[in-house]
N, C-alpha and C. Protein backbone atom coordinates (compact mmCIF):
# COMPACT_ATOMS: atom_id res chain seq x y z
N UNK A 1 81.23 158.53 90.87
CA UNK A 1 80.58 158.11 89.67
C UNK A 1 81.63 157.93 88.59
N UNK A 2 81.44 156.97 87.77
CA UNK A 2 82.38 156.72 86.67
C UNK A 2 82.12 157.74 85.57
N UNK A 3 83.02 158.69 85.38
CA UNK A 3 82.77 159.74 84.37
C UNK A 3 82.78 159.20 82.94
N UNK A 4 83.50 158.12 82.70
CA UNK A 4 83.56 157.58 81.33
C UNK A 4 82.33 156.76 81.00
N UNK A 5 81.53 156.46 82.00
CA UNK A 5 80.35 155.62 81.80
C UNK A 5 79.27 156.41 81.07
N UNK A 6 78.50 155.71 80.26
CA UNK A 6 77.40 156.37 79.57
C UNK A 6 76.23 156.60 80.50
N UNK A 7 76.29 156.03 81.71
CA UNK A 7 75.22 156.18 82.69
C UNK A 7 75.42 157.45 83.53
N UNK A 8 76.63 158.02 83.52
CA UNK A 8 76.94 159.17 84.38
C UNK A 8 75.99 160.36 84.15
N UNK A 9 75.75 160.79 82.91
CA UNK A 9 74.82 161.92 82.75
C UNK A 9 73.39 161.57 83.15
N UNK A 10 73.01 160.33 82.93
CA UNK A 10 71.65 159.91 83.31
C UNK A 10 71.52 159.91 84.83
N UNK A 11 72.54 159.42 85.51
CA UNK A 11 72.51 159.38 86.98
C UNK A 11 72.40 160.79 87.56
N UNK A 12 73.17 161.71 87.01
CA UNK A 12 73.13 163.09 87.49
C UNK A 12 71.76 163.71 87.25
N UNK A 13 71.20 163.48 86.08
CA UNK A 13 69.89 164.01 85.75
C UNK A 13 68.82 163.44 86.66
N UNK A 14 68.85 162.14 86.88
CA UNK A 14 67.87 161.50 87.75
C UNK A 14 68.02 162.02 89.18
N UNK A 15 69.24 162.16 89.64
CA UNK A 15 69.49 162.65 90.99
C UNK A 15 68.91 164.05 91.17
N UNK A 16 69.18 164.95 90.23
CA UNK A 16 68.68 166.32 90.33
C UNK A 16 67.15 166.37 90.20
N UNK A 17 66.60 165.60 89.27
CA UNK A 17 65.15 165.59 89.09
C UNK A 17 64.46 165.05 90.34
N UNK A 18 65.05 164.03 90.93
CA UNK A 18 64.46 163.46 92.15
C UNK A 18 64.49 164.47 93.28
N UNK A 19 65.60 165.16 93.45
CA UNK A 19 65.69 166.18 94.51
C UNK A 19 64.69 167.30 94.27
N UNK A 20 64.50 167.70 93.02
CA UNK A 20 63.52 168.73 92.70
C UNK A 20 62.11 168.26 93.06
N UNK A 21 61.78 167.02 92.69
CA UNK A 21 60.45 166.48 93.02
C UNK A 21 60.23 166.41 94.53
N UNK A 22 61.23 165.95 95.25
CA UNK A 22 61.09 165.85 96.70
C UNK A 22 60.93 167.24 97.33
N UNK A 23 61.70 168.20 96.84
CA UNK A 23 61.59 169.56 97.36
C UNK A 23 60.25 170.19 97.04
N UNK A 24 59.79 170.02 95.82
CA UNK A 24 58.50 170.59 95.42
C UNK A 24 57.37 169.96 96.22
N UNK A 25 57.40 168.65 96.38
CA UNK A 25 56.32 168.00 97.14
C UNK A 25 56.35 168.39 98.61
N UNK A 26 57.53 168.63 99.16
CA UNK A 26 57.64 169.01 100.56
C UNK A 26 57.21 170.46 100.78
N UNK A 27 57.61 171.36 99.89
CA UNK A 27 57.35 172.79 100.08
C UNK A 27 55.94 173.18 99.64
N UNK A 28 55.54 172.74 98.47
CA UNK A 28 54.29 173.21 97.89
C UNK A 28 53.08 172.33 98.21
N UNK A 29 53.28 171.16 98.76
CA UNK A 29 52.15 170.27 99.06
C UNK A 29 52.12 169.85 100.53
N UNK A 30 52.29 170.79 101.47
CA UNK A 30 52.30 170.38 102.88
C UNK A 30 50.93 169.92 103.37
N UNK A 31 49.88 170.35 102.71
CA UNK A 31 48.55 169.95 103.15
C UNK A 31 48.12 168.61 102.56
N UNK A 32 48.96 168.04 101.68
CA UNK A 32 48.67 166.75 101.07
C UNK A 32 49.79 165.75 101.39
N UNK A 33 49.85 165.26 102.62
CA UNK A 33 50.96 164.37 102.99
C UNK A 33 50.95 163.05 102.21
N UNK A 34 49.78 162.63 101.78
CA UNK A 34 49.70 161.38 101.02
C UNK A 34 50.42 161.52 99.67
N UNK A 35 50.24 162.66 99.01
CA UNK A 35 50.92 162.90 97.74
C UNK A 35 52.43 162.95 97.96
N UNK A 36 52.85 163.64 99.02
CA UNK A 36 54.29 163.71 99.32
C UNK A 36 54.85 162.32 99.61
N UNK A 37 54.09 161.52 100.33
CA UNK A 37 54.55 160.17 100.64
C UNK A 37 54.72 159.35 99.36
N UNK A 38 53.75 159.47 98.45
CA UNK A 38 53.88 158.74 97.19
C UNK A 38 55.07 159.21 96.38
N UNK A 39 55.33 160.52 96.36
CA UNK A 39 56.49 161.03 95.62
C UNK A 39 57.77 160.47 96.23
N UNK A 40 57.90 160.50 97.56
CA UNK A 40 59.08 159.97 98.22
C UNK A 40 59.26 158.48 97.93
N UNK A 41 58.18 157.73 98.05
CA UNK A 41 58.26 156.28 97.89
C UNK A 41 58.62 155.89 96.46
N UNK A 42 57.90 156.42 95.49
CA UNK A 42 58.13 155.99 94.11
C UNK A 42 59.45 156.54 93.54
N UNK A 43 59.86 157.74 93.98
CA UNK A 43 61.15 158.26 93.54
C UNK A 43 62.28 157.39 94.08
N UNK A 44 62.15 156.94 95.31
CA UNK A 44 63.19 156.08 95.91
C UNK A 44 63.22 154.72 95.25
N UNK A 45 62.05 154.17 94.97
CA UNK A 45 62.01 152.86 94.30
C UNK A 45 62.64 152.95 92.92
N UNK A 46 62.33 154.02 92.19
CA UNK A 46 62.91 154.20 90.86
C UNK A 46 64.43 154.33 90.94
N UNK A 47 64.91 155.18 91.86
CA UNK A 47 66.35 155.38 92.00
C UNK A 47 67.04 154.10 92.44
N UNK A 48 66.44 153.37 93.36
CA UNK A 48 67.02 152.11 93.83
C UNK A 48 67.10 151.10 92.70
N UNK A 49 66.05 151.00 91.91
CA UNK A 49 66.07 150.09 90.75
C UNK A 49 67.14 150.48 89.74
N UNK A 50 67.29 151.78 89.50
CA UNK A 50 68.33 152.25 88.58
C UNK A 50 69.71 151.91 89.12
N UNK A 51 69.93 152.13 90.42
CA UNK A 51 71.25 151.86 91.02
C UNK A 51 71.58 150.37 90.98
N UNK A 52 70.60 149.54 91.26
CA UNK A 52 70.85 148.09 91.26
C UNK A 52 71.12 147.60 89.84
N UNK A 53 70.39 148.14 88.89
CA UNK A 53 70.54 147.70 87.50
C UNK A 53 71.87 148.14 86.89
N UNK A 54 72.24 149.41 87.09
CA UNK A 54 73.40 149.97 86.38
C UNK A 54 74.67 150.06 87.21
N UNK A 55 74.58 150.02 88.54
CA UNK A 55 75.74 150.17 89.43
C UNK A 55 76.63 151.33 88.96
N UNK A 56 76.12 152.57 89.05
CA UNK A 56 76.79 153.69 88.42
C UNK A 56 78.02 154.23 89.14
N UNK A 57 78.25 153.89 90.39
CA UNK A 57 79.36 154.47 91.12
C UNK A 57 80.62 153.63 90.97
N UNK A 58 81.76 154.20 91.37
CA UNK A 58 83.05 153.59 91.08
C UNK A 58 83.33 152.30 91.83
N UNK A 59 82.96 152.24 93.09
CA UNK A 59 83.30 151.05 93.87
C UNK A 59 82.04 150.33 94.34
N UNK A 60 82.24 149.10 94.72
CA UNK A 60 81.13 148.30 95.22
C UNK A 60 80.60 148.90 96.53
N UNK A 61 81.49 149.40 97.35
CA UNK A 61 81.09 150.01 98.61
C UNK A 61 80.25 151.26 98.41
N UNK A 62 80.63 152.07 97.43
CA UNK A 62 79.85 153.29 97.14
C UNK A 62 78.46 152.93 96.63
N UNK A 63 78.36 151.92 95.77
CA UNK A 63 77.05 151.47 95.30
C UNK A 63 76.22 150.94 96.46
N UNK A 64 76.85 150.21 97.36
CA UNK A 64 76.17 149.67 98.53
C UNK A 64 75.65 150.81 99.40
N UNK A 65 76.48 151.84 99.63
CA UNK A 65 76.05 152.97 100.44
C UNK A 65 74.91 153.73 99.78
N UNK A 66 74.96 153.88 98.49
CA UNK A 66 73.88 154.57 97.77
C UNK A 66 72.57 153.80 97.94
N UNK A 67 72.65 152.48 97.89
CA UNK A 67 71.44 151.67 98.09
C UNK A 67 70.92 151.80 99.52
N UNK A 68 71.80 151.83 100.50
CA UNK A 68 71.38 152.02 101.89
C UNK A 68 70.69 153.38 102.04
N UNK A 69 71.25 154.41 101.42
CA UNK A 69 70.64 155.74 101.50
C UNK A 69 69.26 155.75 100.85
N UNK A 70 69.12 155.10 99.72
CA UNK A 70 67.82 155.07 99.05
C UNK A 70 66.80 154.28 99.87
N UNK A 71 67.24 153.23 100.51
CA UNK A 71 66.33 152.47 101.37
C UNK A 71 65.91 153.32 102.57
N UNK A 72 66.84 154.12 103.11
CA UNK A 72 66.50 155.01 104.22
C UNK A 72 65.50 156.07 103.78
N UNK A 73 65.68 156.61 102.57
CA UNK A 73 64.72 157.59 102.06
C UNK A 73 63.38 156.93 101.82
N UNK A 74 63.39 155.71 101.32
CA UNK A 74 62.15 154.96 101.10
C UNK A 74 61.41 154.74 102.42
N UNK A 75 62.14 154.31 103.45
CA UNK A 75 61.51 154.09 104.75
C UNK A 75 61.02 155.41 105.35
N UNK A 76 61.74 156.50 105.10
CA UNK A 76 61.28 157.80 105.56
C UNK A 76 59.97 158.18 104.87
N UNK A 77 59.88 157.88 103.59
CA UNK A 77 58.63 158.13 102.88
C UNK A 77 57.49 157.29 103.42
N UNK A 78 57.80 156.06 103.81
CA UNK A 78 56.76 155.20 104.38
C UNK A 78 56.29 155.74 105.73
N UNK A 79 57.18 156.35 106.49
CA UNK A 79 56.78 156.87 107.80
C UNK A 79 55.98 158.17 107.68
N UNK A 80 55.94 158.77 106.51
CA UNK A 80 55.08 159.94 106.34
C UNK A 80 53.62 159.59 106.60
N UNK A 81 53.28 158.32 106.43
CA UNK A 81 51.91 157.89 106.72
C UNK A 81 51.59 158.03 108.21
N UNK A 82 52.61 158.07 109.05
CA UNK A 82 52.38 158.26 110.48
C UNK A 82 51.73 159.61 110.78
N UNK A 83 51.98 160.58 109.91
CA UNK A 83 51.49 161.93 110.16
C UNK A 83 50.19 162.22 109.42
N UNK A 84 49.55 161.21 108.92
CA UNK A 84 48.24 161.37 108.28
C UNK A 84 47.17 160.90 109.26
N UNK A 85 45.93 161.05 108.86
CA UNK A 85 44.82 160.61 109.71
C UNK A 85 44.56 159.11 109.59
N UNK A 86 45.38 158.40 108.85
CA UNK A 86 45.21 156.96 108.72
C UNK A 86 45.50 156.24 110.03
N UNK A 87 46.36 156.84 110.84
CA UNK A 87 46.66 156.26 112.16
C UNK A 87 46.16 157.28 113.19
N UNK A 88 44.94 157.12 113.67
CA UNK A 88 44.37 158.14 114.55
C UNK A 88 44.93 158.11 115.98
N UNK A 89 45.44 156.97 116.43
CA UNK A 89 45.92 156.86 117.80
C UNK A 89 47.32 157.44 117.93
N UNK A 90 47.45 158.44 118.80
CA UNK A 90 48.74 159.11 119.00
C UNK A 90 49.78 158.14 119.58
N UNK A 91 49.35 157.28 120.48
CA UNK A 91 50.28 156.33 121.11
C UNK A 91 50.88 155.38 120.07
N UNK A 92 50.08 154.96 119.12
CA UNK A 92 50.57 154.09 118.04
C UNK A 92 51.59 154.84 117.18
N UNK A 93 51.31 156.11 116.91
CA UNK A 93 52.27 156.92 116.13
C UNK A 93 53.62 157.01 116.84
N UNK A 94 53.58 157.28 118.14
CA UNK A 94 54.83 157.35 118.90
C UNK A 94 55.56 156.02 118.90
N UNK A 95 54.83 154.95 119.06
CA UNK A 95 55.45 153.62 119.08
C UNK A 95 56.13 153.33 117.74
N UNK A 96 55.43 153.62 116.65
CA UNK A 96 56.03 153.39 115.33
C UNK A 96 57.22 154.32 115.09
N UNK A 97 57.14 155.53 115.60
CA UNK A 97 58.27 156.45 115.49
C UNK A 97 59.49 155.95 116.25
N UNK A 98 59.26 155.35 117.43
CA UNK A 98 60.37 154.79 118.20
C UNK A 98 60.95 153.55 117.55
N UNK A 99 60.17 152.87 116.76
CA UNK A 99 60.68 151.72 116.00
C UNK A 99 61.50 152.22 114.81
N UNK A 100 61.04 153.29 114.17
CA UNK A 100 61.68 153.82 112.96
C UNK A 100 63.02 154.50 113.26
N UNK A 101 63.08 155.23 114.38
CA UNK A 101 64.27 156.04 114.69
C UNK A 101 65.57 155.23 114.76
N UNK A 102 65.62 154.08 115.43
CA UNK A 102 66.89 153.31 115.43
C UNK A 102 67.32 152.86 114.03
N UNK A 103 66.37 152.54 113.17
CA UNK A 103 66.73 152.15 111.81
C UNK A 103 67.37 153.29 111.05
N UNK A 104 66.81 154.49 111.20
CA UNK A 104 67.39 155.65 110.53
C UNK A 104 68.75 155.99 111.11
N UNK A 105 68.88 155.91 112.43
CA UNK A 105 70.18 156.16 113.06
C UNK A 105 71.22 155.13 112.64
N UNK A 106 70.79 153.90 112.40
CA UNK A 106 71.70 152.87 111.91
C UNK A 106 72.23 153.23 110.53
N UNK A 107 71.34 153.70 109.65
CA UNK A 107 71.77 154.12 108.31
C UNK A 107 72.76 155.28 108.39
N UNK A 108 72.50 156.24 109.27
CA UNK A 108 73.41 157.38 109.43
C UNK A 108 74.76 156.91 109.98
N UNK A 109 74.73 156.00 110.95
CA UNK A 109 75.97 155.49 111.53
C UNK A 109 76.79 154.71 110.49
N UNK A 110 76.13 153.91 109.67
CA UNK A 110 76.83 153.18 108.61
C UNK A 110 77.46 154.15 107.62
N UNK A 111 76.74 155.22 107.26
CA UNK A 111 77.29 156.23 106.36
C UNK A 111 78.53 156.89 106.94
N UNK A 112 78.45 157.32 108.18
CA UNK A 112 79.59 157.98 108.82
C UNK A 112 80.76 157.02 108.95
N UNK A 113 80.49 155.77 109.33
CA UNK A 113 81.56 154.78 109.43
C UNK A 113 82.24 154.52 108.11
N UNK A 114 81.45 154.46 107.03
CA UNK A 114 82.04 154.22 105.72
C UNK A 114 82.89 155.42 105.27
N UNK A 115 82.43 156.62 105.57
CA UNK A 115 83.21 157.81 105.23
C UNK A 115 84.54 157.80 105.96
N UNK A 116 84.53 157.49 107.25
CA UNK A 116 85.79 157.42 108.00
C UNK A 116 86.69 156.29 107.49
N UNK A 117 86.10 155.17 107.11
CA UNK A 117 86.87 154.07 106.55
C UNK A 117 87.57 154.50 105.25
N UNK A 118 86.82 155.13 104.36
CA UNK A 118 87.40 155.59 103.09
C UNK A 118 88.47 156.66 103.32
N UNK A 119 88.25 157.52 104.31
CA UNK A 119 89.24 158.55 104.60
C UNK A 119 90.50 157.97 105.22
N UNK A 120 90.37 156.90 105.98
CA UNK A 120 91.53 156.34 106.67
C UNK A 120 92.42 155.50 105.75
N UNK A 121 91.90 154.97 104.68
CA UNK A 121 92.69 154.08 103.82
C UNK A 121 93.95 154.75 103.25
N UNK A 122 93.86 155.94 102.66
CA UNK A 122 95.10 156.58 102.18
C UNK A 122 96.07 156.92 103.31
N UNK A 123 95.53 157.29 104.47
CA UNK A 123 96.39 157.61 105.61
C UNK A 123 97.14 156.37 106.10
N UNK A 124 96.46 155.24 106.19
CA UNK A 124 97.10 153.99 106.60
C UNK A 124 98.17 153.57 105.60
N UNK A 125 97.87 153.71 104.31
CA UNK A 125 98.86 153.35 103.28
C UNK A 125 100.09 154.25 103.37
N UNK A 126 99.87 155.54 103.63
CA UNK A 126 101.01 156.47 103.74
C UNK A 126 101.86 156.14 104.97
N UNK A 127 101.21 155.80 106.08
CA UNK A 127 101.96 155.45 107.29
C UNK A 127 102.76 154.17 107.06
N UNK A 128 102.18 153.19 106.38
CA UNK A 128 102.91 151.95 106.07
C UNK A 128 104.13 152.23 105.20
N UNK A 129 103.96 153.06 104.17
CA UNK A 129 105.11 153.41 103.31
C UNK A 129 106.20 154.11 104.10
N UNK A 130 105.81 155.00 105.01
CA UNK A 130 106.78 155.71 105.84
C UNK A 130 107.52 154.75 106.76
N UNK A 131 106.80 153.79 107.36
CA UNK A 131 107.44 152.81 108.24
C UNK A 131 108.36 151.87 107.47
N UNK A 132 107.97 151.52 106.26
CA UNK A 132 108.84 150.67 105.42
C UNK A 132 110.09 151.44 105.05
N UNK A 133 109.94 152.71 104.73
CA UNK A 133 111.09 153.54 104.35
C UNK A 133 112.07 153.70 105.50
N UNK A 134 111.56 153.82 106.73
CA UNK A 134 112.42 153.99 107.89
C UNK A 134 112.99 152.67 108.39
N UNK A 135 112.48 151.56 107.88
CA UNK A 135 113.00 150.26 108.26
C UNK A 135 112.30 149.64 109.45
N UNK A 136 111.26 150.25 109.94
CA UNK A 136 110.52 149.70 111.09
C UNK A 136 109.61 148.56 110.68
N UNK A 137 109.30 148.50 109.40
CA UNK A 137 108.37 147.50 108.90
C UNK A 137 108.96 146.92 107.62
N UNK A 138 108.83 145.62 107.44
CA UNK A 138 109.34 145.00 106.23
C UNK A 138 108.33 145.20 105.10
N UNK A 139 108.86 145.53 103.97
CA UNK A 139 108.02 145.72 102.79
C UNK A 139 107.72 144.39 102.12
N UNK A 140 106.91 144.43 101.11
CA UNK A 140 106.62 143.19 100.38
C UNK A 140 107.88 142.68 99.69
N UNK A 141 108.13 141.40 99.81
CA UNK A 141 109.32 140.82 99.19
C UNK A 141 108.91 140.07 97.93
N UNK A 142 109.76 140.18 96.94
CA UNK A 142 109.52 139.47 95.70
C UNK A 142 110.30 138.18 95.73
N UNK A 143 109.62 137.08 95.46
CA UNK A 143 110.30 135.80 95.43
C UNK A 143 110.74 135.50 94.02
N UNK A 144 111.97 135.04 93.93
CA UNK A 144 112.50 134.67 92.61
C UNK A 144 112.07 133.26 92.30
N UNK A 145 111.59 133.03 91.08
CA UNK A 145 111.16 131.67 90.74
C UNK A 145 112.38 130.73 90.63
N UNK A 146 112.20 129.53 91.06
CA UNK A 146 113.27 128.53 90.95
C UNK A 146 113.39 128.11 89.49
N UNK A 147 114.65 128.04 89.02
CA UNK A 147 114.88 127.57 87.64
C UNK A 147 114.76 126.06 87.61
N UNK A 148 113.95 125.60 86.75
CA UNK A 148 113.81 124.16 86.59
C UNK A 148 114.71 123.72 85.44
N UNK A 149 115.83 123.12 85.79
CA UNK A 149 116.78 122.70 84.76
C UNK A 149 116.88 121.21 84.70
């Protein structure tokens, strides 16, 4: 998050308030899955709208990952309807669950891949500098401009 941004304290407050709402709805309202589903859905929509509008994180990739995570939470909230009496057929519930699971695993895989990508960038840069220093790799060359006389 950009600490100098005026959005940073708002983002932190929204993040904490959203987590509190999700926790309260999950712990204290287990007998009302519809209410929990609405809390999950509308909290995710609000957070996603805030992220798209303000782009509060430092890099484009981090903002993109935050949006993927919010979409995954939104879809998880939508699947809470699977556990209500709105879908009485157990076979249909299983089928929808098998459709949902690969999407969630895709979001997790993208997150893990992005974390490894971000972790590898400084390591790759350090290895390149070491190879340039040892002479195994040519460094960037500066071209001198031709004098136009």
